[in-house]
C-alpha cells in the first residue's frame, strides 16, 4: 500500500493534465461574476488545509483535489520526524517547515488580533480623520488651490501692533480733553479707540475677503446663504459704527488739543495752527492704521472660511493619527522581531536534533515541497488568467475582491478587511505554507 507521501507525489499536476485543467477551466466563469469575490481568510495563510487569499474556485479545487492528500502527507512525514530515535532527554526531532508554520501562524494571529483591538480602541479617531480628509479633499477639488493657512499668532501680533500704533497717535490728544482728568482715563480712552479701529479692520477685512462666500450661494442646495448674508451685513454695520465712533472720539480729542495751542498762539501774537488741518491730519493717521489692519485681516483669511477650517481639522487629525501610527509601528516591529527570534530558535533546534534517518526524511521533505511548488504554480496560473480576463473586460481598476484580515499590516486601517482590484490581487502573496510562495 502506497504511503500518504507517495499518494501526494503521484498526483498528476503537469501542464495539460486533467487535474490542472479542472481548475484553469473555471477562470472565465469566475471572472464573469459581477459581485464581490470573497477570498479565503488571510489568517489561514500558513494553514496547509485552507491557504489564505484564494478565490472560491481555488478553494474548492484545493480542498477537493489537493488538500486531503497533501495534509495526510504532511502529517505522515511530521510523525516520522518525531519518531526519530534521539538520545534520552533530548528534544524531539521536528519537521522544520511544519514547526516554522506554527510559529508564523501564531504570529499572524497575534498581529490580526492586535489590529482588531486597534480598530476597537481608535475607531472614533480613524472616522474623524477619514471624514476630515474627505471634506478637505472635496473643498480642495472645488477651489483648485491650497487654503490660506490660519496664522493666528501673526494675526494677533499684527493687531497688537495696530493697537500700539493707535496709542502713540492718540494718547497725547486725549490728555488734553477737559473731561479726562487723569492719565489712566486718557490711557483707557486711547485703548478703547485703538481696539475699536482694530475690530473694525478685522470685521471689514474678513468680509471683503469672503465676500463671494458670504453674499452668494455656494451650490443650488445652499440653505445657509441667507443667514450668512445677514450675519455679514450685521458685522459690516458693527464695524462701521465702531470706526465712526472711534474717529469722532479722535476728532473731538484733537479739537481740544488744538484749541489750547490756538489760544496760546493768539495770546502770544503768533500764527495759530489750523483746526481743520490738524483734525484732518489726525484722522488721516487713524485711517491709515485702519487700512493697515484691514489689509492684514484680508491677507490672513481664506476666501472660504470652511476651507480653512477643514484644513485645520484635517491637519489636527493627521497629527493625532501620525502619533498613533508611530506607536503601532513600534508594536509591529516588536512582533516581527519576535517572529524572527522564534524562527531562529526552531531552526537551531532542528539542526541540533538530527536522528539517524534525518537525511532520508529531509529528502522526502524536499520532494513534498517540490510538489507544493507545482500546486502553487497551477494556482498562480489560474489567478493570472482570472485577473487578466477581468482587466480585459475593463474591470482592472474596480474593487472586485474582498480579502478578510487583509489590512492587518496597515498602520491605520479603516477596516480589518481589504478590497482589491484585479491588479492588486494579481500582486497579492499566496502561499501553501512551508515558505512556498513567501516573498
Protein backbone atom coordinates (compact mmCIF):
# COMPACT_ATOMS: atom_id res chain seq x y z
CA UNK A 1 0.00 0.00 0.00
CA UNK A 2 1.41 3.38 -1.02
CA UNK A 3 2.28 5.82 1.73
CA UNK A 4 0.48 9.16 2.09
CA UNK A 5 3.55 10.94 0.73
CA UNK A 6 3.69 8.65 -2.31
CA UNK A 7 -0.01 9.27 -2.96
CA UNK A 8 0.52 13.03 -2.89
CA UNK A 9 3.58 12.84 -5.12
CA UNK A 10 1.63 10.68 -7.57
CA UNK A 11 -0.88 13.45 -8.31
CA UNK A 12 -0.59 14.45 -11.96
CA UNK A 13 -0.10 18.22 -11.96
CA UNK A 14 1.73 18.57 -15.25
CA UNK A 15 0.63 21.15 -17.80
CA UNK A 16 -2.50 20.00 -19.61
CA UNK A 17 -3.32 17.34 -17.00
CA UNK A 18 -6.93 16.78 -16.04
CA UNK A 19 -6.24 17.92 -12.50
CA UNK A 20 -4.75 21.21 -13.69
CA UNK A 21 -7.48 21.79 -16.29
CA UNK A 22 -10.19 21.20 -13.67
CA UNK A 23 -9.11 24.48 -12.06
CA UNK A 24 -7.94 26.51 -15.06
CA UNK A 25 -11.20 25.94 -16.92
CA UNK A 26 -13.08 27.83 -14.20
CA UNK A 27 -11.29 31.14 -14.78
CA UNK A 28 -13.72 32.54 -17.37
CA UNK A 29 -16.75 31.67 -15.25
CA UNK A 30 -15.36 33.22 -12.07
CA UNK A 31 -14.18 36.33 -13.96
CA UNK A 32 -17.72 36.92 -15.23
CA UNK A 33 -19.06 37.03 -11.66
CA UNK A 34 -20.11 40.67 -11.21
CA UNK A 35 -20.38 40.54 -7.41
CA UNK A 36 -17.52 40.99 -4.95
CA UNK A 37 -15.42 37.82 -4.79
CA UNK A 38 -14.72 36.79 -1.20
CA UNK A 39 -11.23 35.38 -0.76
CA UNK A 40 -10.27 32.89 1.95
CA UNK A 41 -9.17 34.47 5.22
CA UNK A 42 -5.61 35.70 5.43
CA UNK A 43 -5.46 34.29 8.96
CA UNK A 44 -5.11 30.90 7.24
CA UNK A 45 -2.08 31.95 5.17
CA UNK A 46 0.16 29.29 6.76
CA UNK A 47 -2.60 26.70 7.21
CA UNK A 48 -1.92 23.73 4.92
CA UNK A 49 -5.58 22.69 4.93
CA UNK A 50 -7.05 26.01 3.67
CA UNK A 51 -4.48 28.56 2.44
CA UNK A 52 -5.40 32.26 2.60
CA UNK A 53 -6.22 34.67 -0.28
CA UNK A 54 -7.80 32.01 -2.53
CA UNK A 55 -10.94 32.61 -4.58
CA UNK A 56 -13.93 30.30 -4.09
CA UNK A 57 -12.94 28.33 -7.21
CA UNK A 58 -9.36 27.96 -6.00
CA UNK A 59 -10.53 26.93 -2.53
CA UNK A 60 -12.99 24.35 -3.89
CA UNK A 61 -10.33 22.88 -6.18
CA UNK A 62 -7.66 22.80 -3.47
CA UNK A 63 -9.96 21.31 -0.85
CA UNK A 64 -11.40 18.60 -3.09
CA UNK A 65 -8.33 17.70 -5.17
CA UNK A 66 -5.23 18.61 -3.16
CA UNK A 67 -5.82 19.39 0.49
CA UNK A 68 -6.63 15.90 1.71
CA UNK A 69 -3.67 14.18 0.05
CA UNK A 70 -1.28 16.96 0.97
CA UNK A 71 -2.48 17.13 4.58
CA UNK A 72 -2.02 13.38 5.04
CA UNK A 73 1.46 13.52 3.52
CA UNK A 74 2.49 16.38 5.79
CA UNK A 75 1.11 14.65 8.89
CA UNK A 76 2.82 11.37 7.98
CA UNK A 77 6.19 13.00 7.42
CA UNK A 78 5.91 15.10 10.58
CA UNK A 79 5.19 11.94 12.57
CA UNK A 80 8.27 10.25 11.11
CA UNK A 81 10.43 13.20 12.20
CA UNK A 82 9.06 12.97 15.74
CA UNK A 83 9.60 9.19 15.80
CA UNK A 84 13.32 9.59 15.20
CA UNK A 85 15.41 7.84 17.88
CA UNK A 86 17.10 10.58 19.92
CA UNK A 87 19.35 10.31 23.00
CA UNK A 88 17.45 10.10 26.28
CA UNK A 89 16.36 13.56 27.47
CA UNK A 90 16.97 15.25 24.09
CA UNK A 91 14.25 17.28 22.35
CA UNK A 92 12.26 15.51 19.65
CA UNK A 93 13.33 15.84 16.05
CA UNK A 94 10.98 18.18 14.18
CA UNK A 95 9.77 18.70 10.64
CA UNK A 96 11.26 22.22 10.41
CA UNK A 97 8.77 23.60 7.89
CA UNK A 98 5.78 22.48 9.97
CA UNK A 99 7.30 23.94 13.14
CA UNK A 100 8.03 27.25 11.40
CA UNK A 101 4.50 27.43 10.02
CA UNK A 102 3.10 27.00 13.54
CA UNK A 103 5.24 29.94 14.64
CA UNK A 104 4.18 32.03 11.64
CA UNK A 105 0.51 31.20 12.21
CA UNK A 106 0.69 32.22 15.86
CA UNK A 107 2.46 35.47 14.97
CA UNK A 108 -0.05 36.24 12.21
CA UNK A 109 -2.99 35.57 14.53
CA UNK A 110 -1.44 37.85 17.16
CA UNK A 111 -0.96 40.71 14.67
CA UNK A 112 -4.51 40.33 13.34
CA UNK A 113 -5.89 40.35 16.91
CA UNK A 114 -3.82 43.48 17.64
CA UNK A 115 -5.39 45.12 14.60
CA UNK A 116 -8.87 44.24 15.83
CA UNK A 117 -8.07 45.83 19.20
CA UNK A 118 -6.56 48.86 17.44
CA UNK A 119 -9.76 49.37 15.44
CA UNK A 120 -11.95 48.92 18.52
CA UNK A 121 -9.97 51.43 20.59
CA UNK A 122 -9.33 54.05 17.89
CA UNK A 123 -12.36 53.82 15.62
CA UNK A 124 -13.58 57.31 16.56
CA UNK A 125 -10.22 58.90 15.69
CA UNK A 126 -9.98 56.98 12.41
CA UNK A 127 -13.51 58.05 11.47
CA UNK A 128 -12.71 61.69 12.29
CA UNK A 129 -9.57 61.50 10.18
CA UNK A 130 -11.35 59.91 7.22
CA UNK A 131 -14.19 62.44 7.45
CA UNK A 132 -11.78 65.38 7.70
CA UNK A 133 -9.74 64.08 4.76
CA UNK A 134 -12.84 63.61 2.60
CA UNK A 135 -14.24 67.05 3.41
CA UNK A 136 -10.88 68.75 2.83
CA UNK A 137 -10.27 66.93 -0.46
CA UNK A 138 -13.77 67.88 -1.65
CA UNK A 139 -13.13 71.57 -1.00
CA UNK A 140 -9.63 71.37 -2.47
CA UNK A 141 -11.08 69.90 -5.68
CA UNK A 142 -13.73 72.65 -5.77
CA UNK A 143 -11.32 75.54 -5.26
CA UNK A 144 -8.31 74.15 -7.13
CA UNK A 145 -5.85 75.83 -4.77
CA UNK A 146 -4.30 75.48 -1.35
CA UNK A 147 -6.09 77.18 1.57
CA UNK A 148 -4.73 80.27 3.26
CA UNK A 149 -3.19 78.94 6.47
CA UNK A 150 -4.71 80.41 9.68
CA UNK A 151 -1.58 82.08 11.10
CA UNK A 152 -3.22 83.10 14.35
CA UNK A 153 -0.04 84.24 16.14
CA UNK A 154 0.96 86.50 13.24
CA UNK A 155 -2.55 87.92 13.13
CA UNK A 156 -2.70 88.63 16.86
CA UNK A 157 0.74 90.26 16.82
CA UNK A 158 -0.30 92.36 13.82
CA UNK A 159 -3.43 93.62 15.58
CA UNK A 160 -1.43 94.37 18.73
CA UNK A 161 0.98 96.39 16.61
CA UNK A 162 -2.02 98.30 15.25
CA UNK A 163 -3.29 98.97 18.78
CA UNK A 164 0.16 100.20 19.81
CA UNK A 165 0.36 102.49 16.78
CA UNK A 166 -3.05 103.90 17.60
CA UNK A 167 -1.95 104.57 21.18
CA UNK A 168 1.10 106.52 20.03
CA UNK A 169 -1.04 108.57 17.65
CA UNK A 170 -3.90 109.42 20.02
CA UNK A 171 -2.68 109.38 23.61
CA UNK A 172 -1.40 112.96 23.78
CA UNK A 173 -4.61 114.34 22.29
CA UNK A 174 -6.76 112.55 24.86
CA UNK A 175 -4.65 114.04 27.64
CA UNK A 176 -5.91 117.50 26.57
CA UNK A 177 -9.63 116.65 26.78
CA UNK A 178 -11.01 118.56 29.78
CA UNK A 179 -13.33 115.70 30.78
CA UNK A 180 -10.35 113.35 31.09
CA UNK A 181 -8.71 114.26 34.38
CA UNK A 182 -6.00 111.58 34.76
CA UNK A 183 -3.51 109.62 32.63
CA UNK A 184 -5.46 106.45 33.46
CA UNK A 185 -8.59 107.81 31.81
CA UNK A 186 -6.55 109.00 28.83
CA UNK A 187 -4.98 105.54 28.50
CA UNK A 188 -8.40 103.89 28.69
CA UNK A 189 -9.86 106.19 26.03
CA UNK A 190 -6.81 105.64 23.81
CA UNK A 191 -7.07 101.86 24.10
CA UNK A 192 -10.83 101.94 23.50
CA UNK A 193 -10.30 103.82 20.24
CA UNK A 194 -7.43 101.53 19.25
CA UNK A 195 -9.44 98.35 19.88
CA UNK A 196 -12.49 99.80 18.12
CA UNK A 197 -10.43 100.52 15.00
CA UNK A 198 -8.72 97.10 15.21
CA UNK A 199 -12.09 95.31 15.47
CA UNK A 200 -13.49 97.37 12.63
CA UNK A 201 -10.49 96.47 10.45
CA UNK A 202 -10.94 92.80 11.42
CA UNK A 203 -14.65 92.72 10.56
CA UNK A 204 -14.28 94.55 7.26
CA UNK A 205 -11.14 92.70 6.15
CA UNK A 206 -12.74 89.29 6.69
CA UNK A 207 -15.98 90.30 4.96
CA UNK A 208 -14.20 91.78 1.94
CA UNK A 209 -12.04 88.65 1.61
CA UNK A 210 -15.02 86.30 1.92
CA UNK A 211 -17.49 88.47 0.01
CA UNK A 212 -18.40 85.79 -2.55
CA UNK A 213 -18.87 83.13 0.12
CA UNK A 214 -20.98 85.39 2.35
CA UNK A 215 -23.19 87.02 -0.28
CA UNK A 216 -23.56 84.27 -2.94
CA UNK A 217 -24.99 80.73 -2.68
CA UNK A 218 -22.22 78.12 -2.84
CA UNK A 219 -24.42 75.50 -4.52
CA UNK A 220 -28.07 75.09 -5.54
CA UNK A 221 -28.98 73.49 -2.21
CA UNK A 222 -27.18 76.08 -0.04
CA UNK A 223 -29.77 76.85 2.63
CA UNK A 224 -27.40 78.76 4.91
CA UNK A 225 -26.81 81.54 2.36
CA UNK A 226 -29.40 83.96 3.78
CA UNK A 227 -28.13 83.56 7.36
CA UNK A 228 -24.52 84.11 6.22
CA UNK A 229 -25.54 87.20 4.32
CA UNK A 230 -27.45 88.61 7.28
CA UNK A 231 -24.54 87.98 9.63
CA UNK A 232 -22.13 89.64 7.20
CA UNK A 233 -24.34 92.73 6.95
CA UNK A 234 -24.55 92.98 10.74
CA UNK A 235 -20.75 92.75 11.02
CA UNK A 236 -20.33 95.40 8.31
CA UNK A 237 -22.62 97.74 10.22
CA UNK A 238 -20.94 96.97 13.55
CA UNK A 239 -17.51 97.61 12.06
CA UNK A 240 -18.75 100.87 10.51
CA UNK A 241 -20.22 102.02 13.81
CA UNK A 242 -17.00 101.20 15.70
CA UNK A 243 -14.91 103.05 13.12
CA UNK A 244 -17.21 106.07 13.12
CA UNK A 245 -17.34 106.36 16.90
CA UNK A 246 -13.56 105.94 17.14
CA UNK A 247 -12.90 108.64 14.54
CA UNK A 248 -15.38 111.01 16.23
CA UNK A 249 -13.56 110.48 19.54
CA UNK A 250 -10.23 111.15 17.81
CA UNK A 251 -11.62 114.31 16.14
CA UNK A 252 -13.01 115.55 19.45
CA UNK A 253 -9.76 114.95 21.34
CA UNK A 254 -7.78 116.64 18.57
CA UNK A 255 -10.15 119.64 18.77
CA UNK A 256 -9.36 120.17 22.46
CA UNK A 257 -5.66 119.56 21.81
CA UNK A 258 -5.51 122.20 19.04
CA UNK A 259 -7.80 124.66 20.82
CA UNK A 260 -5.24 125.07 23.59
CA UNK A 261 -2.46 125.79 21.09
CA UNK A 262 -4.66 128.23 19.16
CA UNK A 263 -5.44 130.20 22.34
CA UNK A 264 -1.74 130.34 23.27
CA UNK A 265 -0.84 131.48 19.76
CA UNK A 266 -3.36 134.33 19.88
CA UNK A 267 -2.09 135.45 23.27
CA UNK A 268 1.50 135.42 22.01
CA UNK A 269 0.52 137.06 18.72
CA UNK A 270 1.83 134.21 16.58
CA UNK A 271 0.06 132.36 13.78
CA UNK A 272 -2.33 129.75 15.23
CA UNK A 273 -2.36 126.18 13.82
CA UNK A 274 -5.24 125.21 11.52
CA UNK A 275 -8.04 123.49 13.38
CA UNK A 276 -9.37 121.80 10.22
CA UNK A 277 -5.90 120.79 9.03
CA UNK A 278 -4.90 119.40 12.44
CA UNK A 279 -8.05 117.34 12.82
CA UNK A 280 -7.85 116.10 9.22
CA UNK A 281 -4.22 115.04 9.66
CA UNK A 282 -5.07 113.20 12.88
CA UNK A 283 -7.99 111.42 11.28
CA UNK A 284 -5.82 110.51 8.29
CA UNK A 285 -3.29 108.85 10.60
CA UNK A 286 -6.01 106.75 12.19
CA UNK A 287 -7.49 105.84 8.81
CA UNK A 288 -4.05 104.68 7.66
CA UNK A 289 -3.85 102.45 10.76
CA UNK A 290 -7.35 101.13 9.99
CA UNK A 291 -6.39 100.36 6.37
CA UNK A 292 -3.26 98.57 7.59
CA UNK A 293 -5.34 96.38 9.88
CA UNK A 294 -7.88 95.78 7.11
CA UNK A 295 -5.14 94.59 4.72
CA UNK A 296 -3.70 92.36 7.44
CA UNK A 297 -7.12 90.83 8.07
CA UNK A 298 -7.73 90.43 4.33
CA UNK A 299 -4.40 88.70 3.66
CA UNK A 300 -4.52 86.26 6.60
CA UNK A 301 -8.01 84.86 5.97
CA UNK A 302 -9.21 82.48 3.29
CA UNK A 303 -11.90 83.29 0.72
CA UNK A 304 -13.85 80.29 2.06
CA UNK A 305 -13.81 80.04 5.90
CA UNK A 306 -14.98 76.41 5.66
CA UNK A 307 -11.91 75.55 3.56
CA UNK A 308 -9.52 76.98 6.13
CA UNK A 309 -11.43 75.29 8.96
CA UNK A 310 -11.42 71.90 7.21
CA UNK A 311 -7.71 72.31 6.52
CA UNK A 312 -7.14 72.94 10.22
CA UNK A 313 -9.26 69.91 11.22
CA UNK A 314 -7.50 67.69 8.67
CA UNK A 315 -4.04 68.73 9.86
CA UNK A 316 -5.02 68.22 13.51
CA UNK A 317 -6.45 64.76 12.78
CA UNK A 318 -3.36 63.90 10.72
CA UNK A 319 -1.04 64.78 13.60
CA UNK A 320 -3.01 62.61 16.02
CA UNK A 321 -3.07 59.76 13.51
CA UNK A 322 0.69 60.06 12.91
CA UNK A 323 1.31 59.64 16.65
CA UNK A 324 -0.94 56.59 16.60
CA UNK A 325 0.91 55.17 13.58
CA UNK A 326 4.26 55.53 15.31
CA UNK A 327 3.01 53.57 18.33
CA UNK A 328 1.51 50.89 16.10
CA UNK A 329 4.67 50.67 14.02
CA UNK A 330 6.70 50.04 17.18
CA UNK A 331 4.31 47.22 18.16
CA UNK A 332 4.57 45.67 14.71
CA UNK A 333 8.36 45.88 14.69
CA UNK A 334 8.42 44.12 18.06
CA UNK A 335 6.14 41.39 16.67
CA UNK A 336 8.39 40.92 13.62
CA UNK A 337 11.44 40.74 15.86
CA UNK A 338 9.69 38.13 17.98
CA UNK A 339 8.87 36.13 14.85
CA UNK A 340 12.48 36.21 13.65
CA UNK A 341 13.69 35.10 17.07
CA UNK A 342 11.20 32.23 17.25
CA UNK A 343 12.04 31.04 13.72
CA UNK A 344 15.75 31.12 14.54
CA UNK A 345 15.08 29.05 17.66
CA UNK A 346 13.16 26.43 15.63
CA UNK A 347 15.98 26.26 13.08
CA UNK A 348 18.56 25.87 15.82
CA UNK A 349 16.57 23.08 17.48
CA UNK A 350 16.15 21.30 14.14
CA UNK A 351 19.88 21.48 13.50
CA UNK A 352 20.62 20.07 16.96
CA UNK A 353 18.11 17.16 16.81
CA UNK A 354 19.10 15.06 13.83
CA UNK A 355 18.37 11.37 14.16
CA UNK A 356 19.80 8.51 12.08
CA UNK A 357 17.15 8.86 9.33
CA UNK A 358 17.40 12.66 9.10
CA UNK A 359 18.95 12.72 5.62
CA UNK A 360 16.24 10.43 4.19
CA UNK A 361 13.46 12.45 5.84
CA UNK A 362 14.88 15.69 4.54
CA UNK A 363 14.99 14.22 1.05
CA UNK A 364 11.32 13.28 1.34
CA UNK A 365 10.54 16.76 2.69
CA UNK A 366 12.25 18.20 -0.39
CA UNK A 367 10.06 16.04 -2.64
CA UNK A 368 6.95 17.23 -0.83
CA UNK A 369 7.95 20.88 -1.13
CA UNK A 370 8.76 20.40 -4.83
CA UNK A 371 5.25 19.02 -5.32
CA UNK A 372 3.87 22.01 -3.42
CA UNK A 373 5.55 24.29 -5.93
CA UNK A 374 3.66 22.58 -8.76
CA UNK A 375 0.37 23.05 -6.91
CA UNK A 376 1.21 26.69 -6.31
CA UNK A 377 2.18 27.15 -9.97
CA UNK A 378 -1.30 26.00 -11.08
CA UNK A 379 -2.99 28.30 -8.56
CA UNK A 380 -0.90 31.27 -9.70
CA UNK A 381 -1.55 30.46 -13.36
CA UNK A 382 -5.26 30.39 -12.60
CA UNK A 383 -5.04 33.74 -10.82
CA UNK A 384 -3.22 35.25 -13.80
CA UNK A 385 -5.92 34.04 -16.21
CA UNK A 386 -8.66 35.26 -13.85
CA UNK A 387 -7.25 38.75 -13.33
CA UNK A 388 -6.29 39.17 -16.99
CA UNK A 389 -9.84 38.30 -18.03
CA UNK A 390 -11.16 40.94 -15.63
CA UNK A 391 -8.68 43.56 -16.85
CA UNK A 392 -9.54 42.86 -20.49
CA UNK A 393 -13.22 43.23 -19.61
CA UNK A 394 -12.46 46.72 -18.26
CA UNK A 395 -12.64 45.80 -14.58
CA UNK A 396 -8.95 46.27 -13.84
CA UNK A 397 -9.49 49.27 -11.58
CA UNK A 398 -12.71 48.13 -9.87
CA UNK A 399 -12.53 46.66 -6.38
CA UNK A 400 -13.63 43.13 -7.18
CA UNK A 401 -12.07 41.11 -4.34
CA UNK A 402 -12.54 41.16 -0.56
CA UNK A 403 -9.61 39.83 1.48
CA UNK A 404 -10.63 39.18 5.10
CA UNK A 405 -7.92 40.20 7.61
CA UNK A 406 -6.04 41.74 4.70
CA UNK A 407 -5.34 45.11 6.32
CA UNK A 408 -3.54 43.75 9.38
CA UNK A 409 -0.19 45.27 8.33
CA UNK A 410 -1.55 48.77 7.59
CA UNK A 411 -0.62 51.31 10.23
CA UNK A 412 -4.03 52.98 10.15
CA UNK A 413 -6.56 50.65 8.50
CA UNK A 414 -10.13 51.80 8.11
CA UNK A 415 -11.24 48.18 8.35
CA UNK A 416 -9.66 44.81 9.08
CA UNK A 417 -10.54 43.65 5.56
CA UNK A 418 -9.14 44.94 2.28
CA UNK A 419 -10.88 45.41 -1.03
CA UNK A 420 -8.63 44.69 -4.00
CA UNK A 421 -8.74 45.45 -7.69
CA UNK A 422 -7.73 42.65 -10.09
CA UNK A 423 -4.33 44.29 -10.49
CA UNK A 424 -3.84 44.43 -6.73
CA UNK A 425 -4.98 40.84 -6.30
CA UNK A 426 -2.54 39.74 -9.01
CA UNK A 427 0.29 41.08 -6.81
CA UNK A 428 -1.03 39.62 -3.54
CA UNK A 429 1.07 36.93 -1.90
CA UNK A 430 -0.32 33.38 -1.97
CA UNK A 431 1.42 30.65 -0.01
CA UNK A 432 0.75 26.99 0.78
CA UNK A 433 2.84 27.15 3.92
CA UNK A 434 6.35 25.74 4.26
CA UNK A 435 7.63 29.02 2.81
CA UNK A 436 6.14 28.11 -0.57
CA UNK A 437 5.23 31.36 -2.25
CA UNK A 438 6.78 33.52 0.51
CA UNK A 439 8.46 36.75 -0.56
